[in-house]
């Protein structure tokens, strides 16, 4: 379970989030909607531990992680721009978190191959990420997040920029993986139809002022 209570975040002197609360049950997927500038990405970054918060609490499975470093929160974040490592091949990108944890190279490679297969990327393990199409790069970013087996997955508009066919195809693949694994998800998107197709319920985040 993910619980956010009375979350307030400032950027400089500007308050970006003010008293935001949400609760996501294990295996539930929540879509967060709102216009540009309302703080959707900041909400995800705060949950992940990538920005400081002024007030509030964040709990995962009844564990307070409000002051826990990002790498110890057991949260996976898929960035809108993928943020793949250009000096690594596809498999090393997917298995990066496992490398940090000290997993042996052969085992990391096997896990990477498994997740590449789940996201329709069989045979691309040794490809340079600079040679991937936009859709392939998004699949690699998703596989990298899921390979770490996080308790909670945060999606920051990961389907942005895809044409209609690729969008629907990847959306179906993501939903299938999450259904199979019972993944707990917070999904930020402008697209209400996308949110409804992927998530069990939604909430709106209104801009301040």
C-alpha atoms as a PDB file:
ATOM      1  CA  UNK A   1       0.000   0.000   0.000  1.00  0.00           C
ATOM      2  CA  UNK A   2       1.120   3.528  -0.810  1.00  0.00           C
ATOM      3  CA  UNK A   3      -0.149   6.386   1.329  1.00  0.00           C
ATOM      4  CA  UNK A   4       0.603  10.083   0.878  1.00  0.00           C
ATOM      5  CA  UNK A   5      -0.671  12.379   3.630  1.00  0.00           C
ATOM      6  CA  UNK A   6      -0.902  16.186   3.482  1.00  0.00           C
ATOM      7  CA  UNK A   7       2.042  16.526   1.105  1.00  0.00           C
ATOM      8  CA  UNK A   8       3.333  20.058   0.576  1.00  0.00           C
ATOM      9  CA  UNK A   9       6.280  20.885  -1.699  1.00  0.00           C
ATOM     10  CA  UNK A  10       7.908  24.197  -2.550  1.00  0.00           C
ATOM     11  CA  UNK A  11      10.187  25.122  -5.446  1.00  0.00           C
ATOM     12  CA  UNK A  12      12.045  28.182  -4.234  1.00  0.00           C
ATOM     13  CA  UNK A  13       9.347  30.467  -2.871  1.00  0.00           C
ATOM     14  CA  UNK A  14       6.576  28.925  -4.969  1.00  0.00           C
ATOM     15  CA  UNK A  15       4.360  26.244  -3.479  1.00  0.00           C
ATOM     16  CA  UNK A  16       3.863  23.503  -6.064  1.00  0.00           C
ATOM     17  CA  UNK A  17       1.830  21.045  -3.982  1.00  0.00           C
ATOM     18  CA  UNK A  18      -0.286  21.986  -0.990  1.00  0.00           C
ATOM     19  CA  UNK A  19      -1.784  19.329   1.264  1.00  0.00           C
ATOM     20  CA  UNK A  20      -2.064  16.532  -1.322  1.00  0.00           C
ATOM     21  CA  UNK A  21      -3.202  13.159  -0.004  1.00  0.00           C
ATOM     22  CA  UNK A  22      -3.780   9.853  -1.769  1.00  0.00           C
ATOM     23  CA  UNK A  23      -3.947   6.166  -0.991  1.00  0.00           C
ATOM     24  CA  UNK A  24      -3.270   3.257  -3.346  1.00  0.00           C
ATOM     25  CA  UNK A  25      -3.986  -0.303  -2.290  1.00  0.00           C
ATOM     26  CA  UNK A  26      -1.614  -3.198  -3.116  1.00  0.00           C
ATOM     27  CA  UNK A  27      -2.074  -4.119  -6.767  1.00  0.00           C
ATOM     28  CA  UNK A  28      -4.171  -1.044  -7.486  1.00  0.00           C
ATOM     29  CA  UNK A  29      -3.373   1.435 -10.265  1.00  0.00           C
ATOM     30  CA  UNK A  30      -4.214   5.109  -9.818  1.00  0.00           C
ATOM     31  CA  UNK A  31      -4.226   7.668 -12.655  1.00  0.00           C
ATOM     32  CA  UNK A  32      -3.442  11.266 -11.708  1.00  0.00           C
ATOM     33  CA  UNK A  33      -4.802  13.908 -14.095  1.00  0.00           C
ATOM     34  CA  UNK A  34      -4.338  17.649 -14.251  1.00  0.00           C
ATOM     35  CA  UNK A  35      -3.152  20.485 -16.491  1.00  0.00           C
ATOM     36  CA  UNK A  36       0.501  21.305 -17.126  1.00  0.00           C
ATOM     37  CA  UNK A  37       2.063  23.009 -14.135  1.00  0.00           C
ATOM     38  CA  UNK A  38      -0.256  21.555 -11.514  1.00  0.00           C
ATOM     39  CA  UNK A  39       2.515  19.511  -9.888  1.00  0.00           C
ATOM     40  CA  UNK A  40       1.904  16.004 -11.255  1.00  0.00           C
ATOM     41  CA  UNK A  41       5.568  15.249 -11.896  1.00  0.00           C
ATOM     42  CA  UNK A  42       6.576  16.904  -8.630  1.00  0.00           C
ATOM     43  CA  UNK A  43       4.154  14.569  -6.842  1.00  0.00           C
ATOM     44  CA  UNK A  44       5.895  11.538  -8.339  1.00  0.00           C
ATOM     45  CA  UNK A  45       9.349  12.927  -7.574  1.00  0.00           C
ATOM     46  CA  UNK A  46       8.333  13.579  -3.959  1.00  0.00           C
ATOM     47  CA  UNK A  47       7.033  10.033  -3.557  1.00  0.00           C
ATOM     48  CA  UNK A  48      10.264   8.706  -5.082  1.00  0.00           C
ATOM     49  CA  UNK A  49      12.406  10.861  -2.787  1.00  0.00           C
ATOM     50  CA  UNK A  50      13.884  13.030  -5.535  1.00  0.00           C
ATOM     51  CA  UNK A  51      12.632  16.365  -4.175  1.00  0.00           C
ATOM     52  CA  UNK A  52      12.461  17.709  -0.631  1.00  0.00           C
ATOM     53  CA  UNK A  53       9.061  18.146   0.953  1.00  0.00           C
ATOM     54  CA  UNK A  54       8.018  20.921   3.289  1.00  0.00           C
ATOM     55  CA  UNK A  55       5.311  18.989   5.096  1.00  0.00           C
ATOM     56  CA  UNK A  56       3.537  15.643   4.969  1.00  0.00           C
ATOM     57  CA  UNK A  57       4.209  11.918   5.142  1.00  0.00           C
ATOM     58  CA  UNK A  58       4.814   9.101   2.667  1.00  0.00           C
ATOM     59  CA  UNK A  59       4.246   5.485   3.686  1.00  0.00           C
ATOM     60  CA  UNK A  60       4.760   2.229   1.833  1.00  0.00           C
ATOM     61  CA  UNK A  61       3.285  -0.913   3.393  1.00  0.00           C
ATOM     62  CA  UNK A  62       2.899   0.992   6.697  1.00  0.00           C
ATOM     63  CA  UNK A  63       6.596   1.959   6.627  1.00  0.00           C
ATOM     64  CA  UNK A  64       7.252   5.686   6.855  1.00  0.00           C
ATOM     65  CA  UNK A  65       9.703   6.545   4.063  1.00  0.00           C
ATOM     66  CA  UNK A  66       9.328  10.333   4.239  1.00  0.00           C
ATOM     67  CA  UNK A  67      13.004  10.849   5.089  1.00  0.00           C
ATOM     68  CA  UNK A  68      14.323   7.624   3.545  1.00  0.00           C
ATOM     69  CA  UNK A  69      16.862   8.076   0.707  1.00  0.00           C
ATOM     70  CA  UNK A  70      15.440   7.460  -2.768  1.00  0.00           C
ATOM     71  CA  UNK A  71      17.449   4.283  -3.410  1.00  0.00           C
ATOM     72  CA  UNK A  72      16.080   2.676  -0.239  1.00  0.00           C
ATOM     73  CA  UNK A  73      12.366   3.324  -0.870  1.00  0.00           C
ATOM     74  CA  UNK A  74      11.755   0.306  -3.138  1.00  0.00           C
ATOM     75  CA  UNK A  75      10.056   2.556  -5.704  1.00  0.00           C
ATOM     76  CA  UNK A  76      10.478   2.428  -9.472  1.00  0.00           C
ATOM     77  CA  UNK A  77      10.087   5.586 -11.565  1.00  0.00           C
ATOM     78  CA  UNK A  78       9.665   5.652 -15.347  1.00  0.00           C
ATOM     79  CA  UNK A  79      10.619   9.108 -16.599  1.00  0.00           C
ATOM     80  CA  UNK A  80       8.815  10.814 -19.457  1.00  0.00           C
ATOM     81  CA  UNK A  81      12.103  11.155 -21.374  1.00  0.00           C
ATOM     82  CA  UNK A  82      13.254   7.603 -20.490  1.00  0.00           C
ATOM     83  CA  UNK A  83      16.690   8.712 -19.140  1.00  0.00           C
ATOM     84  CA  UNK A  84      18.536   5.693 -20.493  1.00  0.00           C
ATOM     85  CA  UNK A  85      22.311   5.484 -20.094  1.00  0.00           C
ATOM     86  CA  UNK A  86      23.816   6.081 -23.556  1.00  0.00           C
ATOM     87  CA  UNK A  87      27.142   4.381 -22.699  1.00  0.00           C
ATOM     88  CA  UNK A  88      25.386   1.091 -21.774  1.00  0.00           C
ATOM     89  CA  UNK A  89      23.796  -1.380 -24.146  1.00  0.00           C
ATOM     90  CA  UNK A  90      20.128  -2.332 -23.742  1.00  0.00           C
ATOM     91  CA  UNK A  91      20.724  -5.250 -21.359  1.00  0.00           C
ATOM     92  CA  UNK A  92      23.011  -3.217 -19.105  1.00  0.00           C
ATOM     93  CA  UNK A  93      20.398  -0.466 -18.941  1.00  0.00           C
ATOM     94  CA  UNK A  94      17.699  -2.940 -17.940  1.00  0.00           C
ATOM     95  CA  UNK A  95      19.878  -4.605 -15.301  1.00  0.00           C
ATOM     96  CA  UNK A  96      21.408  -1.423 -13.886  1.00  0.00           C
ATOM     97  CA  UNK A  97      19.651  -1.577 -10.493  1.00  0.00           C
ATOM     98  CA  UNK A  98      20.693  -5.223 -10.136  1.00  0.00           C
ATOM     99  CA  UNK A  99      24.307  -4.257 -10.812  1.00  0.00           C
ATOM    100  CA  UNK A 100      24.099  -1.642  -8.034  1.00  0.00           C
ATOM    101  CA  UNK A 101      22.815  -4.354  -5.698  1.00  0.00           C
ATOM    102  CA  UNK A 102      25.817  -6.552  -6.478  1.00  0.00           C
ATOM    103  CA  UNK A 103      24.109  -9.269  -8.533  1.00  0.00           C
ATOM    104  CA  UNK A 104      26.492 -11.377 -10.630  1.00  0.00           C
ATOM    105  CA  UNK A 105      26.822 -10.397 -14.295  1.00  0.00           C
ATOM    106  CA  UNK A 106      25.427 -13.647 -15.744  1.00  0.00           C
ATOM    107  CA  UNK A 107      22.391 -13.530 -13.476  1.00  0.00           C
ATOM    108  CA  UNK A 108      21.830  -9.851 -14.325  1.00  0.00           C
ATOM    109  CA  UNK A 109      21.948 -10.709 -18.010  1.00  0.00           C
ATOM    110  CA  UNK A 110      19.369 -13.464 -17.562  1.00  0.00           C
ATOM    111  CA  UNK A 111      17.000 -11.127 -15.732  1.00  0.00           C
ATOM    112  CA  UNK A 112      17.464  -8.486 -18.430  1.00  0.00           C
ATOM    113  CA  UNK A 113      16.670 -11.011 -21.166  1.00  0.00           C
ATOM    114  CA  UNK A 114      13.512 -12.053 -19.312  1.00  0.00           C
ATOM    115  CA  UNK A 115      12.235  -8.481 -19.037  1.00  0.00           C
ATOM    116  CA  UNK A 116      13.161  -7.627 -22.597  1.00  0.00           C
ATOM    117  CA  UNK A 117      11.082 -10.601 -23.689  1.00  0.00           C
ATOM    118  CA  UNK A 118       8.115  -9.460 -21.598  1.00  0.00           C
ATOM    119  CA  UNK A 119       8.183  -6.084 -23.309  1.00  0.00           C
ATOM    120  CA  UNK A 120       8.623  -7.447 -26.831  1.00  0.00           C
ATOM    121  CA  UNK A 121      12.338  -6.680 -27.175  1.00  0.00           C
ATOM    122  CA  UNK A 122      13.802 -10.170 -27.615  1.00  0.00           C
ATOM    123  CA  UNK A 123      17.095 -10.012 -29.484  1.00  0.00           C
ATOM    124  CA  UNK A 124      17.916  -6.410 -28.602  1.00  0.00           C
ATOM    125  CA  UNK A 125      20.049  -7.042 -25.510  1.00  0.00           C
ATOM    126  CA  UNK A 126      23.330  -5.995 -27.144  1.00  0.00           C
ATOM    127  CA  UNK A 127      21.980  -3.037 -29.112  1.00  0.00           C
ATOM    128  CA  UNK A 128      23.166   0.460 -28.279  1.00  0.00           C
ATOM    129  CA  UNK A 129      20.354   2.546 -26.810  1.00  0.00           C
ATOM    130  CA  UNK A 130      21.209   5.340 -29.248  1.00  0.00           C
ATOM    131  CA  UNK A 131      20.057   3.007 -32.043  1.00  0.00           C
ATOM    132  CA  UNK A 132      16.584   2.374 -30.590  1.00  0.00           C
ATOM    133  CA  UNK A 133      13.348   3.755 -31.960  1.00  0.00           C
ATOM    134  CA  UNK A 134      11.229   5.934 -29.683  1.00  0.00           C
ATOM    135  CA  UNK A 135       8.898   3.072 -28.867  1.00  0.00           C
ATOM    136  CA  UNK A 136      11.762   0.672 -28.171  1.00  0.00           C
ATOM    137  CA  UNK A 137      13.418   3.181 -25.835  1.00  0.00           C
ATOM    138  CA  UNK A 138      10.210   3.496 -23.826  1.00  0.00           C
ATOM    139  CA  UNK A 139       9.976  -0.284 -23.546  1.00  0.00           C
ATOM    140  CA  UNK A 140      13.576  -0.454 -22.310  1.00  0.00           C
ATOM    141  CA  UNK A 141      12.829   2.200 -19.681  1.00  0.00           C
ATOM    142  CA  UNK A 142       9.825   0.192 -18.486  1.00  0.00           C
ATOM    143  CA  UNK A 143      11.804  -3.057 -18.442  1.00  0.00           C
ATOM    144  CA  UNK A 144      14.599  -1.375 -16.453  1.00  0.00           C
ATOM    145  CA  UNK A 145      12.119  -0.209 -13.808  1.00  0.00           C
ATOM    146  CA  UNK A 146      10.341  -3.552 -13.522  1.00  0.00           C
ATOM    147  CA  UNK A 147      13.562  -5.587 -13.379  1.00  0.00           C
ATOM    148  CA  UNK A 148      14.230  -4.125  -9.928  1.00  0.00           C
ATOM    149  CA  UNK A 149      10.911  -5.548  -8.633  1.00  0.00           C
ATOM    150  CA  UNK A 150       9.822  -2.340  -6.860  1.00  0.00           C
ATOM    151  CA  UNK A 151       6.882  -2.332  -4.472  1.00  0.00           C
ATOM    152  CA  UNK A 152       5.446   0.740  -6.201  1.00  0.00           C
ATOM    153  CA  UNK A 153       5.855   1.919  -9.807  1.00  0.00           C
ATOM    154  CA  UNK A 154       5.499   5.588 -10.741  1.00  0.00           C
ATOM    155  CA  UNK A 155       4.816   6.434 -14.399  1.00  0.00           C
ATOM    156  CA  UNK A 156       5.473   9.984 -15.592  1.00  0.00           C
ATOM    157  CA  UNK A 157       3.578  10.070 -18.915  1.00  0.00           C
ATOM    158  CA  UNK A 158       5.694   7.231 -20.348  1.00  0.00           C
ATOM    159  CA  UNK A 159       3.653   6.942 -23.568  1.00  0.00           C
ATOM    160  CA  UNK A 160       4.079  10.549 -24.671  1.00  0.00           C
ATOM    161  CA  UNK A 161       5.220  11.043 -28.263  1.00  0.00           C
ATOM    162  CA  UNK A 162       4.100   7.696 -29.695  1.00  0.00           C
ATOM    163  CA  UNK A 163       1.840   7.445 -32.713  1.00  0.00           C
ATOM    164  CA  UNK A 164      -1.635   5.987 -32.146  1.00  0.00           C
ATOM    165  CA  UNK A 165      -0.731   2.421 -33.129  1.00  0.00           C
ATOM    166  CA  UNK A 166       2.394   2.221 -30.965  1.00  0.00           C
ATOM    167  CA  UNK A 167       0.592   3.955 -28.100  1.00  0.00           C
ATOM    168  CA  UNK A 168      -2.211   1.386 -28.033  1.00  0.00           C
ATOM    169  CA  UNK A 169       0.184  -1.517 -28.449  1.00  0.00           C
ATOM    170  CA  UNK A 170       2.460  -0.456 -25.601  1.00  0.00           C
ATOM    171  CA  UNK A 171      -0.486   0.438 -23.381  1.00  0.00           C
ATOM    172  CA  UNK A 172      -1.863  -3.090 -23.813  1.00  0.00           C
ATOM    173  CA  UNK A 173       1.543  -4.625 -23.063  1.00  0.00           C
ATOM    174  CA  UNK A 174       1.998  -2.538 -19.911  1.00  0.00           C
ATOM    175  CA  UNK A 175      -1.476  -3.414 -18.680  1.00  0.00           C
ATOM    176  CA  UNK A 176      -0.813  -7.106 -19.300  1.00  0.00           C
ATOM    177  CA  UNK A 177       2.453  -7.040 -17.313  1.00  0.00           C
ATOM    178  CA  UNK A 178       0.894  -5.119 -14.430  1.00  0.00           C
ATOM    179  CA  UNK A 179      -2.147  -7.406 -14.343  1.00  0.00           C
ATOM    180  CA  UNK A 180       0.069 -10.495 -14.229  1.00  0.00           C
ATOM    181  CA  UNK A 181       2.284  -9.152 -11.450  1.00  0.00           C
ATOM    182  CA  UNK A 182      -0.304  -7.230  -9.407  1.00  0.00           C
ATOM    183  CA  UNK A 183       1.823  -4.086  -9.563  1.00  0.00           C
ATOM    184  CA  UNK A 184       0.916  -1.040  -7.468  1.00  0.00           C
ATOM    185  CA  UNK A 185       1.050   1.986  -9.783  1.00  0.00           C
ATOM    186  CA  UNK A 186       0.626   5.759  -9.804  1.00  0.00           C
ATOM    187  CA  UNK A 187       0.294   6.903 -13.408  1.00  0.00           C
ATOM    188  CA  UNK A 188       0.497  10.585 -14.355  1.00  0.00           C
ATOM    189  CA  UNK A 189      -1.111  11.442 -17.695  1.00  0.00           C
ATOM    190  CA  UNK A 190      -2.937  14.203 -19.555  1.00  0.00           C
ATOM    191  CA  UNK A 191      -4.856  11.529 -21.480  1.00  0.00           C
ATOM    192  CA  UNK A 192      -7.965  10.518 -19.567  1.00  0.00           C
ATOM    193  CA  UNK A 193      -8.698   7.677 -21.977  1.00  0.00           C
ATOM    194  CA  UNK A 194      -5.211   6.307 -21.386  1.00  0.00           C
ATOM    195  CA  UNK A 195      -5.670   6.586 -17.632  1.00  0.00           C
ATOM    196  CA  UNK A 196      -9.013   4.793 -17.793  1.00  0.00           C
ATOM    197  CA  UNK A 197      -7.549   2.010 -19.958  1.00  0.00           C
ATOM    198  CA  UNK A 198      -4.601   1.355 -17.640  1.00  0.00           C
ATOM    199  CA  UNK A 199      -5.814   2.228 -14.151  1.00  0.00           C
ATOM    200  CA  UNK A 200      -8.570   1.167 -11.788  1.00  0.00           C
ATOM    201  CA  UNK A 201      -9.471   4.710 -10.760  1.00  0.00           C
ATOM    202  CA  UNK A 202      -8.326   8.295 -11.121  1.00  0.00           C
ATOM    203  CA  UNK A 203      -7.917  11.556  -9.226  1.00  0.00           C
ATOM    204  CA  UNK A 204      -7.516  15.155 -10.363  1.00  0.00           C
ATOM    205  CA  UNK A 205      -4.711  17.418  -9.242  1.00  0.00           C
ATOM    206  CA  UNK A 206      -5.730  21.081  -9.473  1.00  0.00           C
ATOM    207  CA  UNK A 207      -3.192  23.887 -10.014  1.00  0.00           C
ATOM    208  CA  UNK A 208      -2.574  26.207  -7.096  1.00  0.00           C
ATOM    209  CA  UNK A 209      -3.632  29.835  -7.154  1.00  0.00           C
END
